Amino acid sequence: MVFEGSSVAISHTGKVRSNNQDSGYSGSNLFVVADGMGGHAGGDVASSIAVHRLRELDSPFTTTAEAERALQEAITSTATLLIDTVAERPELAGMGTTVSALDMVDDYAVIAHIGDSRIYLYRDDALTQITTDHTFVQRLVDSGRITPEEARYHPRRSVLMRVLGDMDPDPEIDTFIMPTQPGDRWLLCSDGLCGVVDDAHTGKVLSNHLPPGRTADLLLKQALDAGAPDNVTIVIVDVGGSHPMFSGTPTIVGSASNPQGIEVPAARPGRTSWLHPNRGAANEPSHFEPAPEFLEELIEEDRRRARRRRVWWIVGFVVVIGALLAAALGAYSWTQTRYFVGADDNSVVIYRGIQQDLGPIPLSTPYHDTGILLADLPFYQRLAVQETISARSLADAQAIVASLGGGGSP
């Protein structure tokens, strides 16, 4: 059964990089985003090879199981193609690519995924991330060691744990099948979009229910407005809905759209892998897969960062508490320089402190009981004493007591 809906694919170099290592594909049933890595040439080649291999599957499948198996086999065979390419051109060692693919079969979406490109589903005005990033920071999030918000700014957010590359002929690929329905909107994107535009802003754009082409343009604009430090590739797929069915030839974008895209450029001196590049910052790899021994160092480094965060949090907490205590002590010390005249039971008393209390804590104490009985005072003086009379100093308080009839000095 041919997929009924509308779709679009766009790709942009971004504002920092000098070339586009992403590739994207929007066909009649198949939709793919691949984010290449491995340097100026290697990333172009890897993502191009992946898209051109997968586009061969863009035809109706009889069952979802058949489509799932075909995606798995095609992605695995792409790894073999990458290995063969590096065997012919050893200077490209270390190249690789992410792959996020969506194949529509009747009322189901068949998904295959490896790396940190993403597939989202927008349904009933809610955006849901369907794929799981195969990254170091995602493992930290899954284990509860950091929050998703911390993951967005983690210094190792670009470290991939799984990728389609030239080192593993049998990559571990996530595949699964989901029911879909008219009105669903699927979004496939490289981390050039989801790495700089958060899900809330992406969902807001999708909520406008504009045609796929207009929606993709708005998402790209958000990435560019945020600086677009990486290539940005977006594929949007609408299932049924109000937009007309996409017609025409399949769309290929990014490096795979270049007729020469899968040709390997001449080697650059001194570059052997993306771990030790020898090129300008604009062509630095956006992400890489660590060697096993390097992973342990990454984990230990994250433990050190976590310990430093705890130490600084404790230090900050102690400093804040110390400052609050110092301020409270200073305020209390100031109150003990103040005096007022008041009543205690049936006599006139000079108090040290201020008339207010801090909850259950009194901010004044009796300083001198004058021995003057309230009953001996005229009514207006007795009332004034009972309501307390403020004094500028101890001498002033003593003078006030003297004016009441003596007993002002302790």
Protein backbone atom coordinates (compact mmCIF):
# COMPACT_ATOMS: atom_id res chain seq x y z
CA MET A 1 0.00 0.00 0.00
CA VAL A 2 1.42 3.39 -0.99
CA PHE A 3 1.71 5.90 1.83
CA GLU A 4 -0.88 8.68 1.62
CA GLY A 5 0.27 11.98 3.01
CA SER A 6 2.60 14.88 2.36
CA SER A 7 6.27 15.35 3.16
CA VAL A 8 9.29 17.58 2.73
CA ALA A 9 13.05 17.35 3.22
CA ILE A 10 15.43 20.30 3.64
CA SER A 11 19.08 20.60 4.66
CA HIS A 12 21.27 23.59 5.48
CA THR A 13 25.00 23.92 6.16
CA GLY A 14 24.38 26.14 9.18
CA LYS A 15 26.25 29.25 10.20
CA VAL A 16 29.59 27.74 11.28
CA ARG A 17 30.53 24.75 9.16
CA SER A 18 31.89 25.18 5.67
CA ASN A 19 30.29 22.04 4.21
CA ASN A 20 27.20 19.92 4.75
CA GLN A 21 27.87 16.42 6.08
CA ASP A 22 24.16 15.68 6.59
CA SER A 23 21.98 13.83 4.10
CA GLY A 24 18.22 13.48 3.97
CA TYR A 25 15.62 11.67 1.91
CA SER A 26 11.87 12.04 1.45
CA GLY A 27 10.25 9.47 -0.81
CA SER A 28 6.88 7.84 -1.38
CA ASN A 29 7.11 5.47 1.60
CA LEU A 30 10.61 5.95 3.04
CA PHE A 31 12.08 8.90 4.93
CA VAL A 32 15.67 9.16 6.20
CA VAL A 33 18.03 11.53 8.00
CA ALA A 34 21.75 10.73 8.22
CA ASP A 35 24.30 12.92 10.02
CA GLY A 36 27.83 12.17 8.86
CA MET A 37 31.01 12.48 10.88
CA GLY A 38 34.69 11.93 10.38
CA GLY A 39 36.02 15.15 8.96
CA HIS A 40 35.57 17.31 5.91
CA ALA A 41 35.35 14.39 3.48
CA GLY A 42 34.46 11.38 5.58
CA GLY A 43 31.16 12.70 6.93
CA ASP A 44 29.95 13.60 3.44
CA VAL A 45 30.76 10.18 2.13
CA ALA A 46 29.29 8.22 5.04
CA SER A 47 25.90 9.95 5.08
CA SER A 48 25.68 9.84 1.27
CA ILE A 49 26.38 6.11 1.19
CA ALA A 50 23.74 5.51 3.86
CA VAL A 51 20.99 7.47 2.10
CA HIS A 52 21.73 6.04 -1.34
CA ARG A 53 21.70 2.51 0.08
CA LEU A 54 18.45 3.00 2.00
CA ARG A 55 16.56 4.74 -0.81
CA GLU A 56 16.58 1.39 -2.62
CA LEU A 57 13.90 0.34 -0.10
CA ASP A 58 11.45 3.07 -1.12
CA SER A 59 8.68 0.82 -2.37
CA PRO A 60 5.59 -0.69 -0.72
CA PHE A 61 6.15 -3.64 1.62
CA THR A 62 3.59 -6.35 2.17
CA THR A 63 4.08 -6.53 5.94
CA THR A 64 5.68 -4.47 8.66
CA ALA A 65 7.92 -7.40 9.58
CA GLU A 66 9.25 -7.46 6.02
CA ALA A 67 9.96 -3.71 6.12
CA GLU A 68 11.65 -3.96 9.53
CA ARG A 69 13.89 -6.78 8.33
CA ALA A 70 14.76 -4.88 5.14
CA LEU A 71 15.75 -1.75 7.08
CA GLN A 72 17.90 -3.79 9.45
CA GLU A 73 19.67 -5.54 6.58
CA ALA A 74 20.14 -2.33 4.57
CA ILE A 75 21.70 -0.45 7.47
CA THR A 76 23.97 -3.39 8.29
CA SER A 77 25.05 -3.62 4.65
CA THR A 78 25.80 0.12 4.77
CA ALA A 79 28.32 -0.57 7.51
CA THR A 80 29.97 -3.07 5.17
CA LEU A 81 30.05 -0.42 2.41
CA LEU A 82 31.74 2.01 4.79
CA ILE A 83 34.32 -0.61 5.75
CA ASP A 84 35.00 -1.35 2.08
CA THR A 85 35.35 2.35 1.31
CA VAL A 86 37.92 2.82 4.07
CA ALA A 87 39.80 -0.25 2.84
CA GLU A 88 40.21 1.54 -0.49
CA ARG A 89 40.95 4.92 1.09
CA PRO A 90 42.59 4.38 4.52
CA GLU A 91 42.83 8.12 5.13
CA LEU A 92 39.06 8.10 5.71
CA ALA A 93 39.37 5.76 8.68
CA GLY A 94 36.97 6.78 11.42
CA MET A 95 34.16 8.08 9.25
CA GLY A 96 30.62 7.22 10.21
CA THR A 97 27.05 8.39 10.23
CA THR A 98 23.88 8.35 12.25
CA VAL A 99 20.76 6.93 10.60
CA SER A 100 17.13 7.55 11.49
CA ALA A 101 14.74 5.96 9.03
CA LEU A 102 10.94 5.78 8.84
CA ASP A 103 9.07 3.44 6.48
CA MET A 104 5.29 3.67 6.15
CA VAL A 105 3.47 0.35 5.78
CA ASP A 106 -0.33 0.59 5.77
CA ASP A 107 -1.30 2.13 9.12
CA TYR A 108 2.09 1.55 10.72
CA ALA A 109 5.43 3.32 10.91
CA VAL A 110 8.48 1.06 10.82
CA ILE A 111 11.46 2.75 12.45
CA ALA A 112 15.19 2.03 12.39
CA HIS A 113 17.65 4.15 14.32
CA ILE A 114 21.29 4.41 15.34
CA GLY A 115 23.10 7.49 16.67
CA ASP A 116 21.74 10.82 17.89
CA SER A 117 19.58 12.05 15.05
CA ARG A 118 15.96 11.90 16.19
CA ILE A 119 12.45 10.93 15.18
CA TYR A 120 9.54 12.75 16.82
CA LEU A 121 5.78 12.20 16.62
CA TYR A 122 3.41 15.16 16.88
CA ARG A 123 -0.08 13.87 17.73
CA ASP A 124 -3.04 15.51 19.47
CA ASP A 125 -1.02 18.71 20.03
CA ALA A 126 1.73 16.85 21.90
CA LEU A 127 5.32 16.29 20.71
CA THR A 128 6.95 13.00 21.70
CA GLN A 129 10.53 11.91 21.06
CA ILE A 130 10.25 8.39 19.65
CA THR A 131 13.91 7.40 19.30
CA THR A 132 16.50 7.29 22.07
CA ASP A 133 19.84 9.03 21.58
CA HIS A 134 22.77 6.62 21.60
CA THR A 135 24.99 9.08 23.44
CA PHE A 136 27.13 9.17 26.54
CA VAL A 137 24.98 11.86 28.17
CA GLN A 138 21.79 9.90 27.44
CA ARG A 139 23.25 7.05 29.49
CA LEU A 140 23.89 9.52 32.29
CA VAL A 141 20.28 10.70 32.05
CA ASP A 142 18.93 7.13 32.00
CA SER A 143 20.95 6.30 35.11
CA GLY A 144 19.67 9.40 36.90
CA ARG A 145 23.11 10.99 37.20
CA ILE A 146 22.14 14.14 35.29
CA THR A 147 18.88 15.75 34.18
CA PRO A 148 17.77 16.13 30.55
CA GLU A 149 18.37 19.88 30.88
CA GLU A 150 21.94 19.27 32.10
CA ALA A 151 22.46 16.90 29.16
CA ARG A 152 21.76 19.75 26.70
CA TYR A 153 24.85 21.61 27.93
CA HIS A 154 27.09 18.73 29.04
CA PRO A 155 30.64 19.07 27.59
CA ARG A 156 30.48 15.44 26.38
CA ARG A 157 27.05 15.67 24.77
CA SER A 158 28.57 14.87 21.36
CA VAL A 159 30.05 11.51 22.35
CA LEU A 160 28.18 8.71 20.58
CA MET A 161 27.94 5.24 22.09
CA ARG A 162 26.55 3.71 18.89
CA VAL A 163 27.07 4.84 15.32
CA LEU A 164 27.11 3.37 11.83
CA GLY A 165 30.81 3.38 11.04
CA ASP A 166 33.77 1.64 9.49
CA MET A 167 34.76 -0.34 12.60
CA ASP A 168 31.75 -2.56 13.27
CA PRO A 169 30.31 -4.80 10.52
CA ASP A 170 27.37 -5.76 12.75
CA PRO A 171 26.09 -2.53 14.37
CA GLU A 172 23.40 -2.60 17.06
CA ILE A 173 20.35 -0.94 15.50
CA ASP A 174 17.08 -0.03 17.22
CA THR A 175 14.07 -1.16 15.19
CA PHE A 176 10.42 -1.08 16.19
CA ILE A 177 6.92 -0.70 14.76
CA MET A 178 4.32 1.87 15.80
CA PRO A 179 0.71 2.38 14.71
CA THR A 180 0.07 5.69 13.02
CA GLN A 181 -3.13 7.52 12.14
CA PRO A 182 -4.42 10.37 9.98
CA GLY A 183 -3.34 13.71 11.39
CA ASP A 184 -0.02 12.40 12.74
CA ARG A 185 3.01 14.50 11.90
CA TRP A 186 6.44 12.83 11.99
CA LEU A 187 9.62 14.85 12.30
CA LEU A 188 13.06 13.42 11.49
CA CYS A 189 16.01 15.71 12.18
CA SER A 190 19.74 15.82 12.76
CA ASP A 191 21.08 17.23 16.01
CA GLY A 192 21.68 20.49 14.19
CA LEU A 193 18.01 21.15 14.96
CA CYS A 194 17.26 19.32 18.22
CA GLY A 195 20.63 20.27 19.69
CA VAL A 196 19.85 24.00 19.60
CA VAL A 197 16.04 24.20 19.49
CA ASP A 198 14.33 22.63 22.49
CA ASP A 199 11.23 20.45 22.20
CA ALA A 200 8.93 23.17 23.54
CA HIS A 201 9.79 25.55 20.70
CA THR A 202 9.69 22.74 18.12
CA GLY A 203 6.24 21.71 19.34
CA LYS A 204 5.03 25.30 19.14
CA VAL A 205 5.99 25.49 15.45
CA LEU A 206 4.32 22.15 14.70
CA SER A 207 1.16 23.27 16.53
CA ASN A 208 0.51 25.84 13.80
CA HIS A 209 -0.45 22.94 11.48
CA LEU A 210 1.12 24.65 8.49
CA PRO A 211 2.10 22.64 5.39
CA PRO A 212 5.29 20.58 5.77
CA GLY A 213 7.40 22.91 3.63
CA ARG A 214 6.44 26.02 5.60
CA THR A 215 6.87 24.20 8.90
CA ALA A 216 10.35 22.97 7.95
CA ASP A 217 11.35 26.52 6.96
CA LEU A 218 10.23 27.87 10.34
CA LEU A 219 12.14 25.16 12.22
CA LEU A 220 15.25 25.89 10.17
CA LYS A 221 14.88 29.60 10.93
CA GLN A 222 14.80 28.82 14.66
CA ALA A 223 18.02 26.81 14.35
CA LEU A 224 19.69 29.61 12.39
CA ASP A 225 18.50 32.22 14.88
CA ALA A 226 20.08 30.10 17.63
CA GLY A 227 23.44 30.19 15.84
CA ALA A 228 23.21 26.90 13.89
CA PRO A 229 26.70 25.65 14.84
CA ASP A 230 26.08 22.38 12.98
CA ASN A 231 24.42 21.24 9.76
CA VAL A 232 20.62 21.17 9.98
CA THR A 233 18.53 18.52 8.22
CA ILE A 234 14.75 18.23 8.60
CA VAL A 235 12.27 15.77 7.15
CA ILE A 236 8.56 16.23 7.92
CA VAL A 237 5.96 13.59 7.12
CA ASP A 238 2.21 14.17 7.43
CA VAL A 239 -0.11 11.18 7.56
CA GLY A 240 -3.30 12.09 5.67
CA GLY A 241 -4.64 15.31 7.12
CA SER A 242 -5.53 18.55 5.38
CA HIS A 243 -2.43 18.89 3.23
CA PRO A 244 -2.43 17.41 -0.28
CA MET A 245 -0.59 14.20 -1.03
CA PHE A 246 3.04 14.73 -1.93
CA SER A 247 3.65 14.02 -5.58
CA GLY A 248 6.67 14.09 -7.81
CA THR A 249 10.12 12.61 -7.62
CA PRO A 250 11.69 11.69 -4.26
CA THR A 251 13.70 14.46 -2.63
CA ILE A 252 17.36 14.01 -1.67
CA VAL A 253 19.03 16.79 0.31
CA GLY A 254 22.42 17.47 1.85
CA SER A 255 25.62 15.81 0.71
CA ALA A 256 23.73 12.90 -0.89
CA SER A 257 22.07 15.35 -3.32
CA ASN A 258 25.43 16.17 -4.87
CA PRO A 259 26.03 13.95 -7.93
CA GLN A 260 29.62 13.76 -6.75
CA GLY A 261 28.55 13.33 -3.13
CA ILE A 262 29.84 9.81 -2.68
CA GLU A 263 33.11 10.38 -4.44
CA VAL A 264 36.01 10.46 -2.00
CA PRO A 265 38.05 13.70 -2.18
CA ALA A 266 41.81 13.60 -1.99
CA ALA A 267 43.25 12.98 1.44
CA ARG A 268 44.37 15.87 3.63
CA PRO A 269 47.82 15.54 5.16
CA GLY A 270 48.13 14.65 8.79
CA ARG A 271 44.51 13.60 9.45
CA THR A 272 44.00 10.02 10.55
CA SER A 273 40.75 10.14 12.52
CA TRP A 274 38.18 12.51 13.93
CA LEU A 275 39.69 12.07 17.39
CA HIS A 276 42.85 13.89 16.29
CA PRO A 277 41.79 16.25 13.47
CA ASN A 278 44.02 18.64 11.62
CA ARG A 279 41.63 21.21 10.20
CA GLY A 280 39.85 24.48 10.97
CA ALA A 281 37.23 24.79 13.66
CA ALA A 282 34.47 25.08 11.11
CA ASN A 283 35.07 21.49 10.09
CA GLU A 284 35.50 20.01 13.55
CA PRO A 285 33.37 16.88 13.93
CA SER A 286 30.09 17.52 15.68
CA HIS A 287 30.22 14.16 17.43
CA PHE A 288 32.27 11.00 17.58
CA GLU A 289 32.29 7.45 18.87
CA PRO A 290 34.83 6.79 21.66
CA ALA A 291 37.25 3.92 21.75
CA PRO A 292 36.47 1.46 24.61
CA GLU A 293 39.43 2.59 26.71
CA PHE A 294 38.41 6.21 26.23
CA LEU A 295 34.92 5.47 27.51
CA GLU A 296 36.25 4.56 30.94
CA GLU A 297 38.09 7.88 31.09
CA LEU A 298 34.86 9.68 30.10
CA ILE A 299 32.97 7.94 32.89
CA GLU A 300 35.68 8.80 35.42
CA GLU A 301 35.76 12.38 34.16
CA ASP A 302 32.01 12.64 34.68
CA ARG A 303 32.41 11.25 38.21
CA ARG A 304 35.01 13.95 38.89
CA ARG A 305 32.66 16.61 37.53
CA ALA A 306 29.84 15.28 39.71
CA ARG A 307 32.11 15.39 42.77
CA ARG A 308 33.18 18.94 41.95
CA ARG A 309 29.54 19.96 41.53
CA ARG A 310 28.71 18.49 44.94
CA VAL A 311 31.69 20.20 46.60
CA TRP A 312 30.80 23.56 45.08
CA TRP A 313 27.15 23.11 46.02
CA ILE A 314 28.14 22.37 49.62
CA VAL A 315 30.59 25.31 49.69
CA GLY A 316 27.93 27.59 48.24
CA PHE A 317 25.36 26.35 50.76
CA VAL A 318 27.78 26.93 53.65
CA VAL A 319 28.62 30.43 52.37
CA VAL A 320 24.94 31.35 52.05
CA ILE A 321 24.11 29.97 55.50
CA GLY A 322 27.16 31.77 56.96
CA ALA A 323 26.09 35.03 55.35
CA LEU A 324 22.56 34.65 56.68
CA LEU A 325 23.85 33.86 60.18
CA ALA A 326 26.25 36.80 60.07
CA ALA A 327 23.43 39.11 58.97
CA ALA A 328 21.14 37.77 61.71
CA LEU A 329 23.88 38.17 64.33
CA GLY A 330 24.58 41.70 63.15
CA ALA A 331 20.90 42.60 63.26
CA TYR A 332 20.53 41.12 66.74
CA SER A 333 23.63 42.96 67.97
CA TRP A 334 22.15 46.20 66.70
CA THR A 335 18.89 45.59 68.60
CA GLN A 336 20.90 45.27 71.81
CA THR A 337 22.06 48.89 71.45
CA ARG A 338 18.45 50.08 71.64
CA TYR A 339 16.33 50.75 74.77
CA PHE A 340 12.70 51.46 75.60
CA VAL A 341 10.51 51.95 78.68
CA GLY A 342 7.69 49.49 79.29
CA ALA A 343 5.70 47.64 81.92
CA ASP A 344 6.41 44.30 83.59
CA ASP A 345 3.53 43.03 85.71
CA ASN A 346 2.83 46.06 87.93
CA SER A 347 6.02 48.14 87.63
CA VAL A 348 7.95 50.32 85.18
CA VAL A 349 10.96 48.61 83.56
CA ILE A 350 13.78 49.73 81.23
CA TYR A 351 14.22 47.15 78.44
CA ARG A 352 17.24 46.54 76.21
CA GLY A 353 16.33 45.71 72.59
CA ILE A 354 13.38 46.60 70.40
CA GLN A 355 9.69 46.24 71.01
CA GLN A 356 9.09 43.64 68.22
CA ASP A 357 9.60 39.88 68.52
CA LEU A 358 10.86 37.53 65.79
CA GLY A 359 8.15 34.90 65.96
CA PRO A 360 8.66 33.09 69.29
CA ILE A 361 12.06 34.76 69.77
CA PRO A 362 11.94 37.97 71.88
CA LEU A 363 14.22 40.78 70.71
CA SER A 364 14.29 42.52 74.11
CA THR A 365 15.19 41.68 77.70
CA PRO A 366 14.54 43.54 81.02
CA TYR A 367 17.52 45.79 81.78
CA HIS A 368 16.39 47.55 85.01
CA ASP A 369 13.26 47.35 87.12
CA THR A 370 12.76 50.93 88.33
CA GLY A 371 10.52 50.02 91.25
CA ILE A 372 7.93 52.58 90.11
CA LEU A 373 4.48 51.05 90.42
CA LEU A 374 2.09 51.52 87.54
CA ALA A 375 -0.68 52.18 90.05
CA ASP A 376 1.21 55.28 91.27
CA LEU A 377 1.31 56.86 87.79
CA PRO A 378 -1.31 59.16 86.35
CA PHE A 379 -3.60 57.38 83.86
CA TYR A 380 -2.02 58.92 80.72
CA GLN A 381 1.54 57.99 81.88
CA ARG A 382 0.45 54.48 82.84
CA LEU A 383 -1.11 54.02 79.38
CA ALA A 384 2.03 55.32 77.64
CA VAL A 385 4.28 52.96 79.62
CA GLN A 386 2.05 49.97 78.91
CA GLU A 387 2.25 50.75 75.18
CA THR A 388 6.08 51.26 75.57
CA ILE A 389 8.04 54.47 75.11
CA SER A 390 10.98 54.38 72.65
CA ALA A 391 14.32 55.82 73.76
CA ARG A 392 17.29 56.97 71.72
CA SER A 393 19.78 55.55 74.28
CA LEU A 394 20.08 54.22 77.81
CA ALA A 395 20.50 57.78 79.11
CA ASP A 396 17.36 58.83 77.27
CA ALA A 397 15.45 55.88 78.82
CA GLN A 398 16.68 56.87 82.28
CA ALA A 399 15.55 60.44 81.68
CA ILE A 400 12.10 59.21 80.67
CA VAL A 401 11.87 57.17 83.89
CA ALA A 402 13.00 60.19 85.91
CA SER A 403 10.22 62.21 84.40
CA LEU A 404 7.79 59.59 85.65
CA GLY A 405 8.89 59.95 89.24
CA GLY A 406 12.49 58.75 89.64
CA GLY A 407 14.25 55.38 89.73
CA GLY A 408 15.93 55.89 86.37
CA SER A 409 19.47 54.71 87.32
CA PRO A 410 20.27 51.03 87.93
